[in-house]
């Protein structure tokens, strides 16, 4: 049986960012279910449960304590069980090195956290409605960084 919602997960150590993320989805009124994790260790523990429901889209903050977003990304990409998870890097960093590292490590899209709530809603709406099959089959540097 196929669910009629998109299962979204955010791993971010910033409580305010987690709150804004969920508020944005509530206002968008999209068919989504959102789960939150406060760090990479909690995220990977949840994903590695044999009976866990895997997200359709995973938003990963890069700078988290204990296990960073890039460490989670590499661990996820090394496990064939997670091959169908679309990964959006969701970070305050706009450094070329971070963008390049996450692209090479297999993330699907890179999003710099916006300062404006309406822009956040637009970005989340765009990411959830993105044609991920197209996005993951033709990964290239030009469409990796999501700009608004």
C-alpha atoms as a PDB file:
ATOM      1  CA  UNK A   1       0.000   0.000   0.000  1.00  0.00           C
ATOM      2  CA  UNK A   2       1.389   3.392  -1.020  1.00  0.00           C
ATOM      3  CA  UNK A   3       1.085   6.320   1.366  1.00  0.00           C
ATOM      4  CA  UNK A   4      -0.458   9.513   0.066  1.00  0.00           C
ATOM      5  CA  UNK A   5       2.117  11.744   1.736  1.00  0.00           C
ATOM      6  CA  UNK A   6       5.794  12.564   1.385  1.00  0.00           C
ATOM      7  CA  UNK A   7       7.814  11.494   4.388  1.00  0.00           C
ATOM      8  CA  UNK A   8      10.321  14.238   5.240  1.00  0.00           C
ATOM      9  CA  UNK A   9      13.064  14.078   7.866  1.00  0.00           C
ATOM     10  CA  UNK A  10      15.217  16.937   9.141  1.00  0.00           C
ATOM     11  CA  UNK A  11      18.392  16.418  11.164  1.00  0.00           C
ATOM     12  CA  UNK A  12      19.450  19.754  12.652  1.00  0.00           C
ATOM     13  CA  UNK A  13      20.914  20.633  16.044  1.00  0.00           C
ATOM     14  CA  UNK A  14      19.380  24.130  16.055  1.00  0.00           C
ATOM     15  CA  UNK A  15      16.029  24.057  17.850  1.00  0.00           C
ATOM     16  CA  UNK A  16      14.857  27.303  16.198  1.00  0.00           C
ATOM     17  CA  UNK A  17      15.620  25.912  12.733  1.00  0.00           C
ATOM     18  CA  UNK A  18      13.678  22.732  13.519  1.00  0.00           C
ATOM     19  CA  UNK A  19      10.711  24.817  14.702  1.00  0.00           C
ATOM     20  CA  UNK A  20      10.724  27.059  11.603  1.00  0.00           C
ATOM     21  CA  UNK A  21      10.996  23.974   9.384  1.00  0.00           C
ATOM     22  CA  UNK A  22       7.884  22.361  10.894  1.00  0.00           C
ATOM     23  CA  UNK A  23       5.967  25.662  10.911  1.00  0.00           C
ATOM     24  CA  UNK A  24       6.747  26.125   7.225  1.00  0.00           C
ATOM     25  CA  UNK A  25       5.328  22.696   6.386  1.00  0.00           C
ATOM     26  CA  UNK A  26       2.242  23.350   8.519  1.00  0.00           C
ATOM     27  CA  UNK A  27       1.578  26.578   6.616  1.00  0.00           C
ATOM     28  CA  UNK A  28       2.198  24.923   3.241  1.00  0.00           C
ATOM     29  CA  UNK A  29      -0.533  22.368   3.964  1.00  0.00           C
ATOM     30  CA  UNK A  30       1.204  19.808   1.758  1.00  0.00           C
ATOM     31  CA  UNK A  31       0.686  16.081   2.148  1.00  0.00           C
ATOM     32  CA  UNK A  32       3.798  15.555   4.262  1.00  0.00           C
ATOM     33  CA  UNK A  33       4.786  13.841   7.476  1.00  0.00           C
ATOM     34  CA  UNK A  34       7.782  15.497   9.126  1.00  0.00           C
ATOM     35  CA  UNK A  35      10.090  13.937  11.704  1.00  0.00           C
ATOM     36  CA  UNK A  36      12.934  15.792  13.401  1.00  0.00           C
ATOM     37  CA  UNK A  37      16.273  14.688  14.840  1.00  0.00           C
ATOM     38  CA  UNK A  38      18.538  16.882  16.931  1.00  0.00           C
ATOM     39  CA  UNK A  39      21.819  15.374  15.732  1.00  0.00           C
ATOM     40  CA  UNK A  40      23.398  12.904  13.354  1.00  0.00           C
ATOM     41  CA  UNK A  41      23.691  10.144  15.956  1.00  0.00           C
ATOM     42  CA  UNK A  42      19.932  10.155  16.641  1.00  0.00           C
ATOM     43  CA  UNK A  43      19.236  10.237  12.914  1.00  0.00           C
ATOM     44  CA  UNK A  44      21.483   7.302  12.057  1.00  0.00           C
ATOM     45  CA  UNK A  45      20.212   5.262  15.030  1.00  0.00           C
ATOM     46  CA  UNK A  46      16.662   5.746  13.738  1.00  0.00           C
ATOM     47  CA  UNK A  47      17.514   4.982  10.093  1.00  0.00           C
ATOM     48  CA  UNK A  48      19.461   1.863  11.035  1.00  0.00           C
ATOM     49  CA  UNK A  49      16.511   0.263  12.836  1.00  0.00           C
ATOM     50  CA  UNK A  50      15.531  -2.690  10.652  1.00  0.00           C
ATOM     51  CA  UNK A  51      11.843  -1.787  10.804  1.00  0.00           C
ATOM     52  CA  UNK A  52      12.242   1.972  10.324  1.00  0.00           C
ATOM     53  CA  UNK A  53      10.268   3.746   7.635  1.00  0.00           C
ATOM     54  CA  UNK A  54      12.760   5.473   5.389  1.00  0.00           C
ATOM     55  CA  UNK A  55      12.177   9.100   4.424  1.00  0.00           C
ATOM     56  CA  UNK A  56      11.473  10.164   0.859  1.00  0.00           C
ATOM     57  CA  UNK A  57      13.524  13.303   1.464  1.00  0.00           C
ATOM     58  CA  UNK A  58      16.151  13.861   4.143  1.00  0.00           C
ATOM     59  CA  UNK A  59      17.262  17.390   5.002  1.00  0.00           C
ATOM     60  CA  UNK A  60      20.714  17.308   6.599  1.00  0.00           C
ATOM     61  CA  UNK A  61      22.363  20.168   8.464  1.00  0.00           C
ATOM     62  CA  UNK A  62      26.129  20.011   7.981  1.00  0.00           C
ATOM     63  CA  UNK A  63      27.345  21.337  11.322  1.00  0.00           C
ATOM     64  CA  UNK A  64      25.957  19.105  14.036  1.00  0.00           C
ATOM     65  CA  UNK A  65      27.658  17.837  17.206  1.00  0.00           C
ATOM     66  CA  UNK A  66      28.680  14.185  17.641  1.00  0.00           C
ATOM     67  CA  UNK A  67      28.082  13.246  13.985  1.00  0.00           C
ATOM     68  CA  UNK A  68      28.132  15.888  11.264  1.00  0.00           C
ATOM     69  CA  UNK A  69      25.888  16.041   8.234  1.00  0.00           C
ATOM     70  CA  UNK A  70      28.736  15.049   5.920  1.00  0.00           C
ATOM     71  CA  UNK A  71      29.448  11.973   8.095  1.00  0.00           C
ATOM     72  CA  UNK A  72      25.752  11.024   7.928  1.00  0.00           C
ATOM     73  CA  UNK A  73      25.701  11.600   4.171  1.00  0.00           C
ATOM     74  CA  UNK A  74      28.681   9.306   3.598  1.00  0.00           C
ATOM     75  CA  UNK A  75      27.227   6.623   5.883  1.00  0.00           C
ATOM     76  CA  UNK A  76      23.846   6.786   4.119  1.00  0.00           C
ATOM     77  CA  UNK A  77      25.399   6.650   0.652  1.00  0.00           C
ATOM     78  CA  UNK A  78      27.501   3.618   1.610  1.00  0.00           C
ATOM     79  CA  UNK A  79      24.406   1.584   2.556  1.00  0.00           C
ATOM     80  CA  UNK A  80      22.346   0.152  -0.334  1.00  0.00           C
ATOM     81  CA  UNK A  81      19.237   0.050   1.902  1.00  0.00           C
ATOM     82  CA  UNK A  82      19.138   3.862   1.740  1.00  0.00           C
ATOM     83  CA  UNK A  83      19.580   4.203  -2.034  1.00  0.00           C
ATOM     84  CA  UNK A  84      16.115   5.699  -2.601  1.00  0.00           C
ATOM     85  CA  UNK A  85      16.428   8.527  -0.057  1.00  0.00           C
ATOM     86  CA  UNK A  86      16.795  11.946  -1.684  1.00  0.00           C
ATOM     87  CA  UNK A  87      19.221  14.026   0.370  1.00  0.00           C
ATOM     88  CA  UNK A  88      19.034  17.799   0.622  1.00  0.00           C
ATOM     89  CA  UNK A  89      21.908  19.476   2.434  1.00  0.00           C
ATOM     90  CA  UNK A  90      20.363  22.255   4.511  1.00  0.00           C
ATOM     91  CA  UNK A  91      23.045  24.500   5.935  1.00  0.00           C
ATOM     92  CA  UNK A  92      23.988  28.042   6.881  1.00  0.00           C
ATOM     93  CA  UNK A  93      27.297  27.469   5.098  1.00  0.00           C
ATOM     94  CA  UNK A  94      27.721  28.668   1.547  1.00  0.00           C
ATOM     95  CA  UNK A  95      31.383  27.694   1.327  1.00  0.00           C
ATOM     96  CA  UNK A  96      32.472  26.253  -1.997  1.00  0.00           C
ATOM     97  CA  UNK A  97      34.317  23.507  -0.132  1.00  0.00           C
ATOM     98  CA  UNK A  98      31.142  22.356   1.681  1.00  0.00           C
ATOM     99  CA  UNK A  99      29.130  22.499  -1.542  1.00  0.00           C
ATOM    100  CA  UNK A 100      31.780  20.513  -3.422  1.00  0.00           C
ATOM    101  CA  UNK A 101      32.255  17.936  -0.624  1.00  0.00           C
ATOM    102  CA  UNK A 102      28.531  17.212  -0.365  1.00  0.00           C
ATOM    103  CA  UNK A 103      28.113  17.054  -4.156  1.00  0.00           C
ATOM    104  CA  UNK A 104      30.989  14.575  -4.503  1.00  0.00           C
ATOM    105  CA  UNK A 105      29.633  12.558  -1.554  1.00  0.00           C
ATOM    106  CA  UNK A 106      26.287  12.058  -3.297  1.00  0.00           C
ATOM    107  CA  UNK A 107      23.827  14.626  -1.936  1.00  0.00           C
ATOM    108  CA  UNK A 108      21.031  15.497  -4.371  1.00  0.00           C
ATOM    109  CA  UNK A 109      20.677  19.208  -3.686  1.00  0.00           C
ATOM    110  CA  UNK A 110      22.331  21.906  -1.557  1.00  0.00           C
ATOM    111  CA  UNK A 111      20.199  24.553   0.137  1.00  0.00           C
ATOM    112  CA  UNK A 112      21.574  27.529   2.030  1.00  0.00           C
ATOM    113  CA  UNK A 113      19.201  28.200   4.924  1.00  0.00           C
ATOM    114  CA  UNK A 114      17.231  31.340   4.105  1.00  0.00           C
ATOM    115  CA  UNK A 115      16.679  34.172   6.589  1.00  0.00           C
ATOM    116  CA  UNK A 116      13.155  34.809   5.321  1.00  0.00           C
ATOM    117  CA  UNK A 117      10.258  32.521   6.324  1.00  0.00           C
ATOM    118  CA  UNK A 118       8.423  32.957   2.995  1.00  0.00           C
ATOM    119  CA  UNK A 119      11.563  31.994   1.082  1.00  0.00           C
ATOM    120  CA  UNK A 120      11.908  28.949   3.337  1.00  0.00           C
ATOM    121  CA  UNK A 121       8.340  27.899   2.482  1.00  0.00           C
ATOM    122  CA  UNK A 122       9.057  28.359  -1.258  1.00  0.00           C
ATOM    123  CA  UNK A 123      12.254  26.285  -1.024  1.00  0.00           C
ATOM    124  CA  UNK A 124      10.576  23.472   0.925  1.00  0.00           C
ATOM    125  CA  UNK A 125       7.654  23.428  -1.503  1.00  0.00           C
ATOM    126  CA  UNK A 126      10.070  23.275  -4.463  1.00  0.00           C
ATOM    127  CA  UNK A 127      12.110  20.465  -2.907  1.00  0.00           C
ATOM    128  CA  UNK A 128       9.093  18.334  -1.974  1.00  0.00           C
ATOM    129  CA  UNK A 129       7.515  18.717  -5.419  1.00  0.00           C
ATOM    130  CA  UNK A 130      10.806  18.198  -7.288  1.00  0.00           C
ATOM    131  CA  UNK A 131      10.940  15.321  -9.745  1.00  0.00           C
ATOM    132  CA  UNK A 132      13.565  13.351  -7.818  1.00  0.00           C
ATOM    133  CA  UNK A 133      13.922  10.699 -10.483  1.00  0.00           C
ATOM    134  CA  UNK A 134      15.149  13.361 -12.891  1.00  0.00           C
ATOM    135  CA  UNK A 135      17.163  15.076 -10.179  1.00  0.00           C
ATOM    136  CA  UNK A 136      19.002  11.899  -9.179  1.00  0.00           C
ATOM    137  CA  UNK A 137      19.564  10.484 -12.652  1.00  0.00           C
ATOM    138  CA  UNK A 138      21.313  13.530 -14.060  1.00  0.00           C
ATOM    139  CA  UNK A 139      23.299  14.882 -11.154  1.00  0.00           C
ATOM    140  CA  UNK A 140      25.428  17.762 -12.244  1.00  0.00           C
ATOM    141  CA  UNK A 141      27.079  20.668 -10.523  1.00  0.00           C
ATOM    142  CA  UNK A 142      24.837  23.232 -12.269  1.00  0.00           C
ATOM    143  CA  UNK A 143      21.556  22.030 -10.752  1.00  0.00           C
ATOM    144  CA  UNK A 144      23.006  20.954  -7.393  1.00  0.00           C
ATOM    145  CA  UNK A 145      22.862  24.325  -5.616  1.00  0.00           C
ATOM    146  CA  UNK A 146      19.230  25.380  -5.211  1.00  0.00           C
ATOM    147  CA  UNK A 147      19.022  29.142  -5.602  1.00  0.00           C
ATOM    148  CA  UNK A 148      16.013  31.408  -5.167  1.00  0.00           C
END
